Protein backbone atom coordinates (compact mmCIF):
# COMPACT_ATOMS: atom_id res chain seq x y z
CA MET A 1 142.69 120.81 157.10
CA ARG A 2 139.91 122.57 155.25
CA ASN A 3 136.38 121.37 154.99
CA ILE A 4 135.25 122.49 151.56
CA GLU A 5 131.74 121.65 150.54
CA THR A 6 130.54 122.28 147.01
CA ARG A 7 126.88 122.63 146.30
CA ASN A 8 125.14 122.75 142.96
CA PHE A 9 121.96 124.75 142.66
CA LYS A 10 119.44 124.68 139.91
CA ALA A 11 118.05 128.14 139.30
CA ASP A 12 115.36 129.32 136.98
CA GLU A 13 116.96 131.62 134.41
CA ALA A 14 113.87 133.83 134.22
CA VAL A 15 113.88 134.34 137.98
CA LEU A 16 117.58 135.21 138.01
CA THR A 17 117.11 137.62 135.09
CA ALA A 18 114.21 139.33 136.85
CA LEU A 19 116.20 139.57 140.08
CA LEU A 20 119.19 141.07 138.29
CA SER A 21 116.96 143.53 136.42
CA LYS A 22 115.34 144.63 139.67
CA ALA A 23 118.74 145.13 141.32
CA LYS A 24 119.97 147.20 138.36
CA ASN A 25 116.85 149.37 138.43
CA GLU A 26 117.21 149.94 142.17
CA GLN A 27 120.85 150.94 141.69
CA ARG A 28 119.95 153.35 138.89
CA SER A 29 117.24 154.87 141.07
CA ASP A 30 119.68 155.29 143.97
CA ASP A 31 122.28 156.84 141.64
CA ALA A 32 119.75 159.30 140.21
CA LEU A 33 118.65 160.29 143.71
CA ALA A 34 122.27 160.89 144.76
CA VAL A 35 122.88 163.10 141.71
CA SER A 36 119.66 164.98 142.43
CA PHE A 37 120.74 165.66 146.02
CA ARG A 38 124.16 166.84 144.87
CA LEU A 39 122.72 169.19 142.24
CA SER A 40 120.32 170.61 144.83
CA ALA A 41 123.22 171.20 147.21
CA ILE A 42 125.13 173.01 144.46
CA ALA A 43 122.09 175.16 143.67
CA ILE A 44 121.64 176.07 147.34
CA HIS A 45 125.33 176.92 147.63
CA ALA A 46 125.18 179.09 144.50
CA ARG A 47 122.14 180.99 145.83
CA LYS A 48 123.59 181.55 149.29
CA LYS A 49 126.93 182.76 147.94
CA GLU A 50 125.24 184.70 145.10
CA LEU A 51 127.63 183.16 142.60
CA THR A 52 127.90 184.52 139.09
CA ALA A 53 127.02 182.41 136.07
CA THR A 54 130.71 181.88 135.38
CA GLU A 55 131.32 180.67 138.95
CA ILE A 56 128.34 178.31 138.73
CA ILE A 57 129.65 176.88 135.46
CA GLU A 58 133.07 176.32 137.06
CA LEU A 59 131.40 174.63 140.03
CA LEU A 60 129.41 172.35 137.71
CA ASP A 61 132.55 171.54 135.71
CA THR A 62 134.33 170.56 138.91
CA GLU A 63 131.42 168.36 139.93
CA ALA A 64 131.37 166.72 136.49
CA VAL A 65 135.04 165.82 136.89
CA CYS A 66 134.27 164.27 140.28
CA PHE A 67 131.50 162.15 138.74
CA GLU A 68 133.79 161.11 135.89
CA ASN A 69 136.55 160.10 138.31
CA GLN A 70 134.10 158.13 140.41
CA SER A 71 132.87 156.36 137.29
CA GLN A 72 136.43 155.45 136.28
CA GLU A 73 137.14 154.06 139.76
CA LEU A 74 134.18 151.70 139.47
CA ARG A 75 135.39 150.16 136.19
């Protein structure tokens, strides 16, 4: 037998909106930082391997596809 308890909460809409906005901003900040780290890693790799412009463009294209796939997975 299950013991299911239902509770009703009264929440201030402005507080919830502010909390949601803060969470979204934090997520955007984290996402931007992750992209920044990845681009820096690509730049370091390109310098160390002395990649040509064409190779760098191909590397960036590959990374763009990875970001696009990740975005599609989250939808």
